[in-house]
N, C-alpha and C. Protein backbone atom coordinates (compact mmCIF):
# COMPACT_ATOMS: atom_id res chain seq x y z
N MET A 1 -93.63 -58.34 45.00
CA MET A 1 -94.98 -58.51 45.88
C MET A 1 -95.66 -59.33 45.94
N THR A 2 -96.53 -60.11 47.42
CA THR A 2 -97.15 -61.05 47.19
C THR A 2 -98.52 -60.66 47.25
N ILE A 3 -99.57 -61.54 46.49
CA ILE A 3 -100.85 -60.77 46.82
C ILE A 3 -101.75 -62.21 47.35
N LEU A 4 -102.14 -62.16 48.52
CA LEU A 4 -102.68 -63.37 49.02
C LEU A 4 -104.41 -63.62 48.78
N LEU A 5 -104.22 -64.37 48.34
CA LEU A 5 -105.82 -64.88 47.88
C LEU A 5 -106.27 -65.63 48.82
N PRO A 6 -107.91 -65.35 48.97
CA PRO A 6 -108.56 -65.69 50.29
C PRO A 6 -108.16 -67.10 50.52
N LEU A 7 -108.60 -67.49 51.90
CA LEU A 7 -108.23 -68.82 51.90
C LEU A 7 -109.69 -69.73 51.98
N SER A 8 -108.92 -70.85 52.00
CA SER A 8 -109.81 -71.93 51.51
C SER A 8 -109.80 -72.93 52.87
N PHE A 9 -110.89 -73.69 53.13
CA PHE A 9 -110.65 -74.77 54.88
C PHE A 9 -109.96 -75.81 54.07
N HIS A 10 -109.78 -76.20 52.83
CA HIS A 10 -108.87 -77.34 52.50
C HIS A 10 -107.52 -76.60 51.51
N GLN A 11 -107.27 -75.48 51.92
CA GLN A 11 -105.51 -74.85 51.68
C GLN A 11 -104.61 -75.72 52.33
N PRO A 12 -103.34 -76.18 51.47
CA PRO A 12 -102.28 -76.90 52.06
C PRO A 12 -101.52 -75.49 52.81
N GLU A 13 -101.03 -75.91 53.86
CA GLU A 13 -100.13 -75.23 54.68
C GLU A 13 -100.99 -73.94 55.31
N ILE A 14 -102.20 -73.88 55.46
CA ILE A 14 -103.32 -72.87 56.12
C ILE A 14 -102.81 -72.57 57.17
N GLU A 15 -102.19 -73.33 58.06
CA GLU A 15 -101.86 -72.64 59.16
C GLU A 15 -100.94 -71.55 59.58
N GLN A 16 -100.13 -71.37 58.58
CA GLN A 16 -99.02 -70.36 58.82
C GLN A 16 -99.90 -69.15 58.27
N ARG A 17 -100.62 -69.15 57.58
CA ARG A 17 -101.40 -68.12 57.10
C ARG A 17 -102.93 -67.68 57.87
N LEU A 18 -103.06 -68.45 59.14
CA LEU A 18 -103.86 -68.35 59.73
C LEU A 18 -103.69 -67.15 60.87
N ALA A 19 -101.94 -67.74 61.01
CA ALA A 19 -101.20 -67.06 62.37
C ALA A 19 -101.21 -65.83 61.82
N ALA A 20 -101.05 -65.51 60.56
CA ALA A 20 -100.75 -64.03 60.08
C ALA A 20 -101.70 -63.00 60.08
N LEU A 21 -103.04 -63.50 59.81
CA LEU A 21 -104.36 -62.65 59.95
C LEU A 21 -104.84 -62.32 61.29
N GLY A 22 -104.63 -61.10 61.09
CA GLY A 22 -105.75 -60.17 62.74
C GLY A 22 -106.93 -60.79 62.44
N ALA A 23 -107.84 -60.38 63.65
CA ALA A 23 -109.12 -61.01 63.92
C ALA A 23 -110.00 -60.30 62.43
N ASP A 24 -109.56 -59.33 62.00
CA ASP A 24 -110.64 -58.66 60.72
C ASP A 24 -110.19 -59.79 59.65
N GLY A 25 -109.03 -60.44 59.53
CA GLY A 25 -108.87 -61.33 58.22
C GLY A 25 -109.35 -62.62 58.67
N LEU A 26 -109.86 -62.68 59.87
CA LEU A 26 -110.19 -64.30 60.15
C LEU A 26 -111.91 -64.03 60.18
N ASP A 27 -112.47 -62.27 60.38
CA ASP A 27 -113.45 -62.54 60.29
C ASP A 27 -114.00 -62.62 58.77
N GLN A 28 -113.20 -62.66 58.20
CA GLN A 28 -113.50 -62.66 56.42
C GLN A 28 -113.86 -63.74 55.59
N LEU A 29 -113.34 -64.90 56.58
CA LEU A 29 -113.26 -66.40 56.18
C LEU A 29 -115.10 -67.18 56.29
N ASP A 30 -115.05 -67.64 54.91
CA ASP A 30 -116.33 -68.29 54.90
C ASP A 30 -116.51 -69.91 55.64
N PHE A 31 -115.62 -70.13 56.74
CA PHE A 31 -115.68 -71.49 57.33
C PHE A 31 -114.65 -70.71 58.67
N GLY A 32 -115.30 -71.77 59.91
CA GLY A 32 -115.05 -71.40 61.46
C GLY A 32 -113.77 -71.53 61.66
N VAL A 33 -113.32 -70.41 62.32
CA VAL A 33 -112.19 -70.84 63.11
C VAL A 33 -112.19 -70.47 64.50
N ILE A 34 -111.58 -71.67 65.07
CA ILE A 34 -111.44 -71.59 66.55
C ILE A 34 -109.48 -71.42 66.85
N GLY A 35 -109.16 -70.85 67.43
CA GLY A 35 -107.68 -71.12 67.71
C GLY A 35 -107.66 -71.08 69.16
N PHE A 36 -106.43 -71.65 69.75
CA PHE A 36 -106.42 -71.87 71.18
C PHE A 36 -105.27 -72.24 71.74
N ASP A 37 -104.82 -72.17 72.71
CA ASP A 37 -103.61 -71.86 73.32
C ASP A 37 -103.16 -73.46 73.87
N SER A 38 -101.31 -73.63 74.41
CA SER A 38 -101.26 -74.89 74.89
C SER A 38 -102.48 -75.61 75.82
N ALA A 39 -102.93 -74.30 76.44
CA ALA A 39 -103.90 -74.93 77.89
C ALA A 39 -105.42 -74.92 77.45
N THR A 40 -105.53 -74.88 75.82
CA THR A 40 -106.76 -75.15 75.07
C THR A 40 -107.66 -74.09 75.53
N THR A 41 -107.35 -72.61 76.25
CA THR A 41 -108.22 -71.76 75.61
C THR A 41 -108.17 -70.86 74.88
N VAL A 42 -109.21 -70.92 74.50
CA VAL A 42 -109.65 -70.25 73.15
C VAL A 42 -109.13 -69.04 73.27
N ARG A 43 -108.58 -68.32 72.28
CA ARG A 43 -107.77 -66.88 72.02
C ARG A 43 -108.18 -66.51 70.72
N LEU A 44 -108.65 -67.09 69.85
CA LEU A 44 -109.56 -66.65 68.37
C LEU A 44 -111.08 -67.38 68.08
N TYR A 45 -111.54 -66.74 67.71
CA TYR A 45 -112.96 -67.47 67.07
C TYR A 45 -113.73 -66.46 66.24
N ASN A 46 -113.71 -66.71 65.12
CA ASN A 46 -113.87 -65.83 64.07
C ASN A 46 -115.34 -65.44 64.04
N GLU A 47 -116.11 -64.55 63.33
CA GLU A 47 -117.71 -64.16 63.05
C GLU A 47 -118.21 -65.45 62.47
N PHE A 48 -117.70 -66.18 61.07
CA PHE A 48 -118.69 -67.32 61.32
C PHE A 48 -118.76 -68.04 61.66
N GLU A 49 -117.69 -68.79 62.52
CA GLU A 49 -118.25 -69.80 63.60
C GLU A 49 -119.04 -69.27 64.82
N SER A 50 -119.26 -67.78 64.94
CA SER A 50 -120.06 -67.17 65.95
C SER A 50 -121.41 -67.16 65.44
N LYS A 51 -121.67 -66.69 64.39
CA LYS A 51 -123.06 -67.19 63.72
C LYS A 51 -123.37 -68.50 63.65
N ALA A 52 -122.75 -69.33 62.84
CA ALA A 52 -123.04 -70.69 62.47
C ALA A 52 -123.50 -71.40 64.11
N ALA A 53 -122.67 -71.35 65.04
CA ALA A 53 -122.79 -71.93 66.45
C ALA A 53 -123.72 -71.13 67.27
N GLY A 54 -124.24 -70.02 67.19
CA GLY A 54 -125.05 -69.23 68.03
C GLY A 54 -124.23 -69.07 69.41
N LEU A 55 -122.58 -68.77 69.52
CA LEU A 55 -122.07 -68.27 70.73
C LEU A 55 -121.53 -67.07 70.39
N THR A 56 -121.19 -66.07 71.21
CA THR A 56 -120.79 -65.08 70.93
C THR A 56 -119.09 -65.04 71.42
N ALA A 57 -118.04 -64.48 70.51
CA ALA A 57 -116.91 -64.37 70.99
C ALA A 57 -116.98 -63.75 72.26
N HIS A 58 -117.37 -62.77 72.98
CA HIS A 58 -117.34 -62.63 74.11
C HIS A 58 -117.43 -64.15 75.12
N ARG A 59 -118.62 -64.77 74.87
CA ARG A 59 -119.07 -65.77 75.98
C ARG A 59 -117.67 -66.92 75.54
N VAL A 60 -117.24 -66.99 74.36
CA VAL A 60 -116.11 -68.24 74.11
C VAL A 60 -114.76 -67.81 74.59
N LEU A 61 -114.50 -66.63 74.33
CA LEU A 61 -112.79 -66.62 74.41
C LEU A 61 -112.23 -66.49 75.88
N GLY A 62 -110.87 -66.90 75.76
CA GLY A 62 -110.79 -67.14 77.35
C GLY A 62 -111.38 -68.40 77.92
N GLN A 63 -112.34 -68.86 77.59
CA GLN A 63 -113.02 -70.12 78.04
C GLN A 63 -111.90 -71.67 77.52
N PRO A 64 -111.98 -72.62 78.23
CA PRO A 64 -111.37 -73.62 77.64
C PRO A 64 -112.22 -74.49 76.89
N LEU A 65 -111.88 -74.91 75.50
CA LEU A 65 -112.09 -75.22 74.50
C LEU A 65 -113.06 -76.89 74.61
N PHE A 66 -112.49 -77.63 75.43
CA PHE A 66 -113.04 -78.94 75.16
C PHE A 66 -113.55 -78.92 76.94
N THR A 67 -113.82 -78.39 77.22
CA THR A 67 -114.45 -78.38 78.32
C THR A 67 -115.59 -77.81 79.01
N VAL A 68 -115.62 -76.21 78.01
CA VAL A 68 -116.80 -75.39 78.46
C VAL A 68 -117.39 -74.91 76.76
N VAL A 69 -116.66 -74.46 75.86
CA VAL A 69 -117.23 -73.90 74.65
C VAL A 69 -117.73 -75.33 73.66
N ALA A 70 -116.66 -76.59 73.70
CA ALA A 70 -117.34 -77.83 72.96
C ALA A 70 -116.88 -78.75 73.55
N PRO A 71 -117.84 -79.37 74.39
CA PRO A 71 -117.49 -80.43 75.31
C PRO A 71 -117.64 -81.47 74.29
N CYS A 72 -118.49 -81.34 73.11
CA CYS A 72 -118.77 -82.50 72.06
C CYS A 72 -117.51 -83.05 71.16
N MET A 73 -116.33 -82.01 71.76
CA MET A 73 -115.18 -82.41 70.64
C MET A 73 -114.10 -82.89 71.65
N ASN A 74 -114.48 -83.20 73.17
CA ASN A 74 -113.37 -83.41 74.16
C ASN A 74 -113.60 -85.13 74.44
N ASN A 75 -113.08 -86.26 72.87
CA ASN A 75 -112.46 -87.46 72.68
C ASN A 75 -111.54 -87.50 71.77
N PHE A 76 -111.65 -88.91 71.66
CA PHE A 76 -110.41 -89.63 71.05
C PHE A 76 -110.29 -88.78 69.43
N LEU A 77 -111.29 -88.92 69.17
CA LEU A 77 -111.71 -88.23 67.74
C LEU A 77 -110.97 -86.94 67.55
N VAL A 78 -111.18 -85.59 68.28
CA VAL A 78 -110.67 -84.33 68.10
C VAL A 78 -109.47 -84.09 69.41
N ALA A 79 -109.70 -83.74 70.54
CA ALA A 79 -108.85 -83.55 71.73
C ALA A 79 -107.85 -84.22 71.98
N GLN A 80 -108.22 -85.54 71.73
CA GLN A 80 -107.06 -86.86 71.90
C GLN A 80 -106.20 -86.55 71.01
N ARG A 81 -106.61 -86.16 69.76
CA ARG A 81 -105.57 -86.31 68.73
C ARG A 81 -104.42 -84.53 69.00
N PHE A 82 -104.99 -83.58 69.14
CA PHE A 82 -104.23 -82.67 69.52
C PHE A 82 -103.31 -82.86 70.78
N GLU A 83 -103.58 -83.84 71.97
CA GLU A 83 -102.74 -84.23 72.59
C GLU A 83 -101.52 -84.99 72.41
N ASP A 84 -102.26 -86.21 71.68
CA ASP A 84 -101.26 -87.05 71.28
C ASP A 84 -99.90 -86.30 70.70
N ALA A 85 -100.54 -85.24 69.10
CA ALA A 85 -99.71 -84.58 68.58
C ALA A 85 -98.58 -83.52 69.62
N PHE A 86 -99.00 -83.38 70.81
CA PHE A 86 -98.22 -82.39 71.76
C PHE A 86 -97.41 -83.38 72.20
N GLU A 87 -97.63 -84.47 72.76
CA GLU A 87 -96.86 -85.28 73.25
C GLU A 87 -95.40 -85.66 72.43
N THR A 88 -95.87 -86.32 70.92
CA THR A 88 -94.84 -86.64 70.15
C THR A 88 -93.97 -85.66 69.58
N GLY A 89 -94.91 -84.33 69.59
CA GLY A 89 -94.04 -83.40 68.54
C GLY A 89 -94.02 -83.31 67.24
N ALA A 90 -95.53 -83.95 66.99
CA ALA A 90 -95.51 -84.17 65.46
C ALA A 90 -96.56 -82.82 64.86
N VAL A 91 -96.73 -82.86 63.65
CA VAL A 91 -97.23 -81.78 63.27
C VAL A 91 -98.76 -82.58 62.89
N LEU A 92 -99.70 -81.85 63.43
CA LEU A 92 -100.92 -82.32 62.84
C LEU A 92 -102.20 -81.38 62.01
N ASP A 93 -102.39 -82.34 61.01
CA ASP A 93 -103.36 -81.56 59.85
C ASP A 93 -103.86 -82.66 59.29
N VAL A 94 -105.05 -82.79 59.74
CA VAL A 94 -106.00 -83.84 59.56
C VAL A 94 -107.06 -83.46 59.16
N THR A 95 -108.27 -83.53 58.43
CA THR A 95 -109.82 -83.19 58.30
C THR A 95 -110.60 -84.53 58.91
N ILE A 96 -111.53 -84.34 59.46
CA ILE A 96 -112.40 -85.61 59.72
C ILE A 96 -113.59 -85.23 59.75
N ASN A 97 -114.67 -86.03 59.20
CA ASN A 97 -116.02 -85.40 59.23
C ASN A 97 -116.38 -86.09 60.67
N TYR A 98 -117.65 -85.12 61.04
CA TYR A 98 -117.84 -84.73 62.76
C TYR A 98 -119.53 -84.46 62.57
N VAL A 99 -120.09 -84.30 63.71
CA VAL A 99 -121.77 -83.94 63.76
C VAL A 99 -121.10 -83.09 64.98
N LEU A 100 -121.46 -82.43 65.11
CA LEU A 100 -121.64 -81.24 66.38
C LEU A 100 -122.79 -81.22 67.30
N THR A 101 -122.83 -81.65 68.33
CA THR A 101 -124.08 -81.67 68.76
C THR A 101 -124.45 -80.95 70.07
N LEU A 102 -123.68 -79.58 70.23
CA LEU A 102 -123.55 -79.44 71.35
C LEU A 102 -124.80 -77.96 71.29
N ARG A 103 -125.58 -77.46 71.72
CA ARG A 103 -126.39 -76.00 71.73
C ARG A 103 -127.00 -75.62 70.57
N MET A 104 -127.23 -77.20 69.84
CA MET A 104 -127.82 -77.05 68.43
C MET A 104 -128.24 -78.32 68.06
N ARG A 105 -129.02 -78.37 67.10
CA ARG A 105 -129.55 -79.72 66.56
C ARG A 105 -128.11 -80.39 66.20
N PRO A 106 -128.03 -81.84 65.85
CA PRO A 106 -126.97 -82.14 65.28
C PRO A 106 -126.53 -81.77 63.77
N THR A 107 -125.25 -81.24 63.39
CA THR A 107 -124.64 -80.42 62.07
C THR A 107 -123.44 -81.28 61.83
N LYS A 108 -124.13 -81.63 60.85
CA LYS A 108 -122.93 -82.51 59.88
C LYS A 108 -121.87 -81.05 59.53
N VAL A 109 -120.49 -81.60 60.04
CA VAL A 109 -119.44 -80.68 59.49
C VAL A 109 -118.16 -81.38 59.23
N ALA A 110 -116.89 -80.68 58.50
CA ALA A 110 -115.97 -81.54 58.13
C ALA A 110 -114.91 -80.47 59.32
N LEU A 111 -114.09 -81.27 60.30
CA LEU A 111 -112.81 -80.21 61.04
C LEU A 111 -112.04 -80.70 60.70
N ARG A 112 -111.09 -79.32 60.30
CA ARG A 112 -109.65 -79.38 60.00
C ARG A 112 -109.16 -79.30 61.15
N LEU A 113 -108.28 -79.94 61.98
CA LEU A 113 -107.34 -79.87 63.34
C LEU A 113 -105.99 -79.39 62.94
N LEU A 114 -105.47 -78.61 63.47
CA LEU A 114 -103.62 -78.01 62.92
C LEU A 114 -103.53 -77.78 64.40
N ALA A 115 -102.25 -78.22 64.46
CA ALA A 115 -101.21 -77.82 65.35
C ALA A 115 -99.77 -78.13 64.58
N SER A 116 -98.55 -77.53 65.36
CA SER A 116 -97.35 -77.76 64.83
C SER A 116 -96.60 -77.33 66.52
N PRO A 117 -95.48 -78.20 66.46
CA PRO A 117 -94.64 -78.06 67.59
C PRO A 117 -93.91 -76.74 67.57
N GLY A 118 -94.19 -76.06 68.67
CA GLY A 118 -93.67 -74.76 69.37
C GLY A 118 -94.68 -73.69 68.70
N ALA A 119 -95.86 -73.78 67.96
CA ALA A 119 -96.73 -73.02 67.68
C ALA A 119 -97.43 -72.37 68.68
N ALA A 120 -97.73 -71.37 69.38
CA ALA A 120 -98.16 -70.62 69.88
C ALA A 120 -99.79 -71.05 70.05
N MET A 121 -100.41 -71.12 68.54
CA MET A 121 -101.99 -71.63 68.42
C MET A 121 -102.07 -72.54 67.78
N ARG A 122 -102.98 -73.20 68.21
CA ARG A 122 -103.78 -74.70 67.86
C ARG A 122 -105.22 -74.17 67.19
N TYR A 123 -105.35 -74.98 65.85
CA TYR A 123 -106.94 -74.16 65.27
C TYR A 123 -107.39 -75.59 65.14
N VAL A 124 -108.99 -75.50 65.38
CA VAL A 124 -109.67 -76.12 64.70
C VAL A 124 -110.60 -75.30 63.85
N LEU A 125 -110.82 -75.69 62.91
CA LEU A 125 -111.47 -75.45 61.40
C LEU A 125 -112.60 -75.83 61.39
N VAL A 126 -114.02 -75.21 61.18
CA VAL A 126 -115.16 -76.06 61.07
C VAL A 126 -116.00 -75.70 59.87
N GLU A 127 -116.21 -76.70 58.83
CA GLU A 127 -116.95 -76.27 57.58
C GLU A 127 -118.29 -76.92 57.63
N ARG A 128 -118.87 -76.17 57.38
CA ARG A 128 -120.39 -77.00 57.57
C ARG A 128 -121.17 -77.65 56.40
N LEU A 129 -121.27 -78.85 56.33
CA LEU A 129 -121.83 -79.32 55.20
C LEU A 129 -123.22 -79.71 54.81
N SER A 130 -123.34 -79.77 53.66
CA SER A 130 -124.65 -79.68 53.81
C SER A 130 -126.01 -80.80 53.46
């Protein structure tokens, strides 16, 4: 019997565990999760991120991540890394310090960018920093 411990933002190999969680499981996490497909359409948006960003899941799901939901991430630090990983077939698992600026006062965060070749979902994990 495998006991699944709570996930943490910095946990190794978290991408596989996220893919196995349903919406209820994602809503139990203490960091933001944004899952999007190869067309950058948001397919997963957990409750933590919804409350922290002030955007409802209804408003975010089905929308393009980098042009509608979070255009402040549409740059070489975030969006381009996903594009580069896709084009080269590389695994992406990098954490960067970042400042979110859209629809809120500037907020310091750590972003963990996750993508694997052939995976249906890519992820941006968001940890608010104090």
